Amino acid sequence: EKLANVQGIFRLNKQLVPALQKRRVLLLDDIVTSGATMTEAGLCLQEKGVDVLGMACAAGGMRSS
């Protein structure tokens, strides 16, 4: 459900695409709970041909049920 809530929220600046396509990218976030936001960001980059090496966060959060 969380992934559906964040689907399509990211847009990549068209002027940055050529430079990013020549680089390898590591996504960083301060906190991750479900991982949906970071996953969506990674998908946005990959759809434009950016090589996403991985994802990392400083802390994990607990999801309430």
PDB file of N, CA and C in Angstrom:
ATOM      1  N   GLU A   1       0.820  -1.198   0.000  1.00  0.00           N
ATOM      2  CA  GLU A   1       0.000   0.000   0.000  1.00  0.00           C
ATOM      3  C   GLU A   1       0.862   1.259   0.000  1.00  0.00           C
ATOM      4  N   LYS A   2       1.921   1.279   0.802  1.00  0.00           N
ATOM      5  CA  LYS A   2       2.797   2.454   0.876  1.00  0.00           C
ATOM      6  C   LYS A   2       3.428   2.741  -0.484  1.00  0.00           C
ATOM      7  N   LEU A   3       3.841   1.692  -1.200  1.00  0.00           N
ATOM      8  CA  LEU A   3       4.442   1.888  -2.518  1.00  0.00           C
ATOM      9  C   LEU A   3       3.450   2.532  -3.477  1.00  0.00           C
ATOM     10  N   ALA A   4       2.209   2.152  -3.396  1.00  0.00           N
ATOM     11  CA  ALA A   4       1.184   2.762  -4.251  1.00  0.00           C
ATOM     12  C   ALA A   4       0.995   4.236  -3.912  1.00  0.00           C
ATOM     13  N   ASN A   5       1.170   4.602  -2.640  1.00  0.00           N
ATOM     14  CA  ASN A   5       1.010   5.995  -2.213  1.00  0.00           C
ATOM     15  C   ASN A   5       2.100   6.913  -2.753  1.00  0.00           C
ATOM     16  N   VAL A   6       3.275   6.378  -3.023  1.00  0.00           N
ATOM     17  CA  VAL A   6       4.390   7.217  -3.484  1.00  0.00           C
ATOM     18  C   VAL A   6       4.682   7.042  -4.972  1.00  0.00           C
ATOM     19  N   GLN A   7       3.928   6.194  -5.639  1.00  0.00           N
ATOM     20  CA  GLN A   7       4.169   5.928  -7.058  1.00  0.00           C
ATOM     21  C   GLN A   7       4.062   7.213  -7.877  1.00  0.00           C
ATOM     22  N   GLY A   8       5.116   7.505  -8.627  1.00  0.00           N
ATOM     23  CA  GLY A   8       5.122   8.651  -9.528  1.00  0.00           C
ATOM     24  C   GLY A   8       5.370   9.996  -8.877  1.00  0.00           C
ATOM     25  N   ILE A   9       5.820  10.020  -7.607  1.00  0.00           N
ATOM     26  CA  ILE A   9       6.001  11.314  -6.940  1.00  0.00           C
ATOM     27  C   ILE A   9       7.302  12.010  -7.311  1.00  0.00           C
ATOM     28  N   PHE A  10       8.245  11.290  -7.899  1.00  0.00           N
ATOM     29  CA  PHE A  10       9.530  11.886  -8.242  1.00  0.00           C
ATOM     30  C   PHE A  10       9.608  12.224  -9.720  1.00  0.00           C
ATOM     31  N   ARG A  11      10.239  13.348 -10.008  1.00  0.00           N
ATOM     32  CA  ARG A  11      10.518  13.767 -11.381  1.00  0.00           C
ATOM     33  C   ARG A  11      11.993  14.136 -11.451  1.00  0.00           C
ATOM     34  N   LEU A  12      12.654  13.724 -12.498  1.00  0.00           N
ATOM     35  CA  LEU A  12      14.068  14.015 -12.674  1.00  0.00           C
ATOM     36  C   LEU A  12      14.223  15.198 -13.616  1.00  0.00           C
ATOM     37  N   ASN A  13      14.994  16.183 -13.204  1.00  0.00           N
ATOM     38  CA  ASN A  13      15.263  17.354 -14.030  1.00  0.00           C
ATOM     39  C   ASN A  13      15.910  16.894 -15.340  1.00  0.00           C
ATOM     40  N   LYS A  14      15.271  17.218 -16.452  1.00  0.00           N
ATOM     41  CA  LYS A  14      15.750  16.753 -17.767  1.00  0.00           C
ATOM     42  C   LYS A  14      17.176  17.201 -18.060  1.00  0.00           C
ATOM     43  N   GLN A  15      17.576  18.343 -17.525  1.00  0.00           N
ATOM     44  CA  GLN A  15      18.934  18.842 -17.760  1.00  0.00           C
ATOM     45  C   GLN A  15      19.982  18.011 -17.024  1.00  0.00           C
ATOM     46  N   LEU A  16      19.581  17.322 -15.973  1.00  0.00           N
ATOM     47  CA  LEU A  16      20.519  16.505 -15.201  1.00  0.00           C
ATOM     48  C   LEU A  16      20.704  15.100 -15.761  1.00  0.00           C
ATOM     49  N   VAL A  17      19.762  14.646 -16.558  1.00  0.00           N
ATOM     50  CA  VAL A  17      19.775  13.263 -17.039  1.00  0.00           C
ATOM     51  C   VAL A  17      21.081  12.893 -17.746  1.00  0.00           C
ATOM     52  N   PRO A  18      21.578  13.673 -18.715  1.00  0.00           N
ATOM     53  CA  PRO A  18      22.818  13.266 -19.395  1.00  0.00           C
ATOM     54  C   PRO A  18      24.004  13.101 -18.442  1.00  0.00           C
ATOM     55  N   ALA A  19      24.138  13.983 -17.476  1.00  0.00           N
ATOM     56  CA  ALA A  19      25.251  13.883 -16.527  1.00  0.00           C
ATOM     57  C   ALA A  19      25.086  12.676 -15.609  1.00  0.00           C
ATOM     58  N   LEU A  20      23.860  12.413 -15.172  1.00  0.00           N
ATOM     59  CA  LEU A  20      23.621  11.280 -14.279  1.00  0.00           C
ATOM     60  C   LEU A  20      23.781   9.942 -14.991  1.00  0.00           C
ATOM     61  N   GLN A  21      23.496   9.904 -16.286  1.00  0.00           N
ATOM     62  CA  GLN A  21      23.628   8.656 -17.037  1.00  0.00           C
ATOM     63  C   GLN A  21      25.083   8.229 -17.164  1.00  0.00           C
ATOM     64  N   LYS A  22      26.011   9.137 -16.923  1.00  0.00           N
ATOM     65  CA  LYS A  22      27.439   8.828 -17.010  1.00  0.00           C
ATOM     66  C   LYS A  22      28.021   8.457 -15.651  1.00  0.00           C
ATOM     67  N   ARG A  23      27.196   8.430 -14.625  1.00  0.00           N
ATOM     68  CA  ARG A  23      27.680   8.190 -13.264  1.00  0.00           C
ATOM     69  C   ARG A  23      26.969   7.000 -12.623  1.00  0.00           C
ATOM     70  N   ARG A  24      27.582   6.521 -11.561  1.00  0.00           N
ATOM     71  CA  ARG A  24      26.962   5.491 -10.734  1.00  0.00           C
ATOM     72  C   ARG A  24      26.462   6.193  -9.475  1.00  0.00           C
ATOM     73  N   VAL A  25      25.231   5.920  -9.083  1.00  0.00           N
ATOM     74  CA  VAL A  25      24.574   6.669  -8.019  1.00  0.00           C
ATOM     75  C   VAL A  25      24.270   5.775  -6.820  1.00  0.00           C
ATOM     76  N   LEU A  26      24.507   6.310  -5.636  1.00  0.00           N
ATOM     77  CA  LEU A  26      24.120   5.660  -4.389  1.00  0.00           C
ATOM     78  C   LEU A  26      23.066   6.548  -3.739  1.00  0.00           C
ATOM     79  N   LEU A  27      21.885   6.010  -3.501  1.00  0.00           N
ATOM     80  CA  LEU A  27      20.815   6.778  -2.863  1.00  0.00           C
ATOM     81  C   LEU A  27      20.983   6.725  -1.349  1.00  0.00           C
ATOM     82  N   LEU A  28      20.862   7.882  -0.709  1.00  0.00           N
ATOM     83  CA  LEU A  28      20.981   7.980   0.743  1.00  0.00           C
ATOM     84  C   LEU A  28      19.723   8.613   1.311  1.00  0.00           C
ATOM     85  N   ASP A  29      19.279   8.115   2.454  1.00  0.00           N
ATOM     86  CA  ASP A  29      18.120   8.685   3.138  1.00  0.00           C
ATOM     87  C   ASP A  29      18.422   8.706   4.628  1.00  0.00           C
ATOM     88  N   ASP A  30      17.801   9.637   5.345  1.00  0.00           N
ATOM     89  CA  ASP A  30      18.065   9.725   6.778  1.00  0.00           C
ATOM     90  C   ASP A  30      17.383   8.604   7.562  1.00  0.00           C
ATOM     91  N   ILE A  31      16.187   8.225   7.148  1.00  0.00           N
ATOM     92  CA  ILE A  31      15.464   7.158   7.839  1.00  0.00           C
ATOM     93  C   ILE A  31      14.588   6.399   6.842  1.00  0.00           C
ATOM     94  N   VAL A  32      14.493   5.110   7.022  1.00  0.00           N
ATOM     95  CA  VAL A  32      13.666   4.276   6.152  1.00  0.00           C
ATOM     96  C   VAL A  32      12.736   3.450   7.037  1.00  0.00           C
ATOM     97  N   THR A  33      11.454   3.478   6.712  1.00  0.00           N
ATOM     98  CA  THR A  33      10.507   2.617   7.430  1.00  0.00           C
ATOM     99  C   THR A  33      10.065   1.488   6.506  1.00  0.00           C
ATOM    100  N   SER A  34       9.277   1.799   5.504  1.00  0.00           N
ATOM    101  CA  SER A  34       8.816   0.754   4.584  1.00  0.00           C
ATOM    102  C   SER A  34       9.759   0.569   3.396  1.00  0.00           C
ATOM    103  N   GLY A  35      10.542   1.599   3.085  1.00  0.00           N
ATOM    104  CA  GLY A  35      11.417   1.545   1.914  1.00  0.00           C
ATOM    105  C   GLY A  35      10.743   1.986   0.632  1.00  0.00           C
ATOM    106  N   ALA A  36       9.461   2.318   0.705  1.00  0.00           N
ATOM    107  CA  ALA A  36       8.701   2.665  -0.499  1.00  0.00           C
ATOM    108  C   ALA A  36       9.212   3.938  -1.172  1.00  0.00           C
ATOM    109  N   THR A  37       9.514   4.961  -0.386  1.00  0.00           N
ATOM    110  CA  THR A  37       9.969   6.225  -0.969  1.00  0.00           C
ATOM    111  C   THR A  37      11.314   6.049  -1.658  1.00  0.00           C
ATOM    112  N   MET A  38      12.232   5.355  -1.004  1.00  0.00           N
ATOM    113  CA  MET A  38      13.548   5.144  -1.593  1.00  0.00           C
ATOM    114  C   MET A  38      13.451   4.252  -2.831  1.00  0.00           C
ATOM    115  N   THR A  39      12.597   3.258  -2.782  1.00  0.00           N
ATOM    116  CA  THR A  39      12.389   2.390  -3.941  1.00  0.00           C
ATOM    117  C   THR A  39      11.867   3.192  -5.125  1.00  0.00           C
ATOM    118  N   GLU A  40      10.910   4.050  -4.881  1.00  0.00           N
ATOM    119  CA  GLU A  40      10.339   4.868  -5.957  1.00  0.00           C
ATOM    120  C   GLU A  40      11.382   5.824  -6.538  1.00  0.00           C
ATOM    121  N   ALA A  41      12.224   6.401  -5.681  1.00  0.00           N
ATOM    122  CA  ALA A  41      13.295   7.277  -6.163  1.00  0.00           C
ATOM    123  C   ALA A  41      14.262   6.497  -7.051  1.00  0.00           C
ATOM    124  N   GLY A  42      14.616   5.292  -6.635  1.00  0.00           N
ATOM    125  CA  GLY A  42      15.504   4.450  -7.430  1.00  0.00           C
ATOM    126  C   GLY A  42      14.904   4.079  -8.770  1.00  0.00           C
ATOM    127  N   LEU A  43      13.621   3.757  -8.774  1.00  0.00           N
ATOM    128  CA  LEU A  43      12.944   3.420 -10.032  1.00  0.00           C
ATOM    129  C   LEU A  43      12.910   4.612 -10.981  1.00  0.00           C
ATOM    130  N   CYS A  44      12.678   5.799 -10.440  1.00  0.00           N
ATOM    131  CA  CYS A  44      12.665   7.015 -11.261  1.00  0.00           C
ATOM    132  C   CYS A  44      14.011   7.200 -11.957  1.00  0.00           C
ATOM    133  N   LEU A  45      15.092   7.013 -11.223  1.00  0.00           N
ATOM    134  CA  LEU A  45      16.430   7.147 -11.801  1.00  0.00           C
ATOM    135  C   LEU A  45      16.702   6.052 -12.833  1.00  0.00           C
ATOM    136  N   GLN A  46      16.364   4.817 -12.510  1.00  0.00           N
ATOM    137  CA  GLN A  46      16.618   3.707 -13.424  1.00  0.00           C
ATOM    138  C   GLN A  46      15.834   3.843 -14.723  1.00  0.00           C
ATOM    139  N   GLU A  47      14.627   4.371 -14.643  1.00  0.00           N
ATOM    140  CA  GLU A  47      13.819   4.565 -15.852  1.00  0.00           C
ATOM    141  C   GLU A  47      14.477   5.534 -16.827  1.00  0.00           C
ATOM    142  N   LYS A  48      15.341   6.403 -16.311  1.00  0.00           N
ATOM    143  CA  LYS A  48      16.057   7.367 -17.155  1.00  0.00           C
ATOM    144  C   LYS A  48      17.458   6.874 -17.509  1.00  0.00           C
ATOM    145  N   GLY A  49      17.758   5.626 -17.175  1.00  0.00           N
ATOM    146  CA  GLY A  49      19.041   5.043 -17.549  1.00  0.00           C
ATOM    147  C   GLY A  49      20.175   5.320 -16.586  1.00  0.00           C
ATOM    148  N   VAL A  50      19.851   5.724 -15.359  1.00  0.00           N
ATOM    149  CA  VAL A  50      20.878   5.989 -14.354  1.00  0.00           C
ATOM    150  C   VAL A  50      21.221   4.680 -13.645  1.00  0.00           C
ATOM    151  N   ASP A  51      22.516   4.433 -13.455  1.00  0.00           N
ATOM    152  CA  ASP A  51      22.999   3.224 -12.792  1.00  0.00           C
ATOM    153  C   ASP A  51      22.945   3.425 -11.277  1.00  0.00           C
ATOM    154  N   VAL A  52      21.928   2.873 -10.634  1.00  0.00           N
ATOM    155  CA  VAL A  52      21.779   2.981  -9.182  1.00  0.00           C
ATOM    156  C   VAL A  52      22.508   1.803  -8.546  1.00  0.00           C
ATOM    157  N   LEU A  53      23.613   2.105  -7.860  1.00  0.00           N
ATOM    158  CA  LEU A  53      24.418   1.055  -7.235  1.00  0.00           C
ATOM    159  C   LEU A  53      23.721   0.427  -6.043  1.00  0.00           C
ATOM    160  N   GLY A  54      23.048   1.251  -5.281  1.00  0.00           N
ATOM    161  CA  GLY A  54      22.387   0.742  -4.089  1.00  0.00           C
ATOM    162  C   GLY A  54      21.734   1.863  -3.318  1.00  0.00           C
ATOM    163  N   MET A  55      21.231   1.496  -2.148  1.00  0.00           N
ATOM    164  CA  MET A  55      20.534   2.441  -1.291  1.00  0.00           C
ATOM    165  C   MET A  55      21.033   2.245   0.132  1.00  0.00           C
ATOM    166  N   ALA A  56      21.150   3.348   0.870  1.00  0.00           N
ATOM    167  CA  ALA A  56      21.602   3.277   2.255  1.00  0.00           C
ATOM    168  C   ALA A  56      20.830   4.283   3.090  1.00  0.00           C
ATOM    169  N   CYS A  57      20.731   3.982   4.384  1.00  0.00           N
ATOM    170  CA  CYS A  57      20.056   4.922   5.284  1.00  0.00           C
ATOM    171  C   CYS A  57      20.816   4.997   6.599  1.00  0.00           C
ATOM    172  N   ALA A  58      20.599   6.112   7.309  1.00  0.00           N
ATOM    173  CA  ALA A  58      21.254   6.316   8.594  1.00  0.00           C
ATOM    174  C   ALA A  58      20.541   5.555   9.706  1.00  0.00           C
ATOM    175  N   ALA A  59      19.225   5.387   9.568  1.00  0.00           N
ATOM    176  CA  ALA A  59      18.453   4.722  10.616  1.00  0.00           C
ATOM    177  C   ALA A  59      17.226   4.063  10.014  1.00  0.00           C
ATOM    178  N   GLY A  60      16.738   3.065  10.688  1.00  0.00           N
ATOM    179  CA  GLY A  60      15.499   2.411  10.284  1.00  0.00           C
ATOM    180  C   GLY A  60      14.412   2.746  11.286  1.00  0.00           C
ATOM    181  N   GLY A  61      13.209   2.817  10.823  1.00  0.00           N
ATOM    182  CA  GLY A  61      12.089   3.116  11.706  1.00  0.00           C
ATOM    183  C   GLY A  61      11.194   1.908  11.865  1.00  0.00           C
ATOM    184  N   MET A  62      10.417   1.916  12.905  1.00  0.00           N
ATOM    185  CA  MET A  62       9.465   0.832  13.130  1.00  0.00           C
ATOM    186  C   MET A  62       8.116   1.237  12.572  1.00  0.00           C
ATOM    187  N   ARG A  63       7.515   0.338  11.837  1.00  0.00           N
ATOM    188  CA  ARG A  63       6.175   0.591  11.311  1.00  0.00           C
ATOM    189  C   ARG A  63       5.155   0.164  12.352  1.00  0.00           C
ATOM    190  N   SER A  64       4.142   0.989  12.532  1.00  0.00           N
ATOM    191  CA  SER A  64       3.064   0.582  13.433  1.00  0.00           C
ATOM    192  C   SER A  64       2.041  -0.216  12.643  1.00  0.00           C
ATOM    193  N   SER A  65       1.419  -1.171  13.300  1.00  0.00           N
ATOM    194  CA  SER A  65       0.453  -1.995  12.583  1.00  0.00           C
ATOM    195  C   SER A  65      -0.965  -1.560  12.818  1.00  0.00           C
TER     196      SER A  65
END
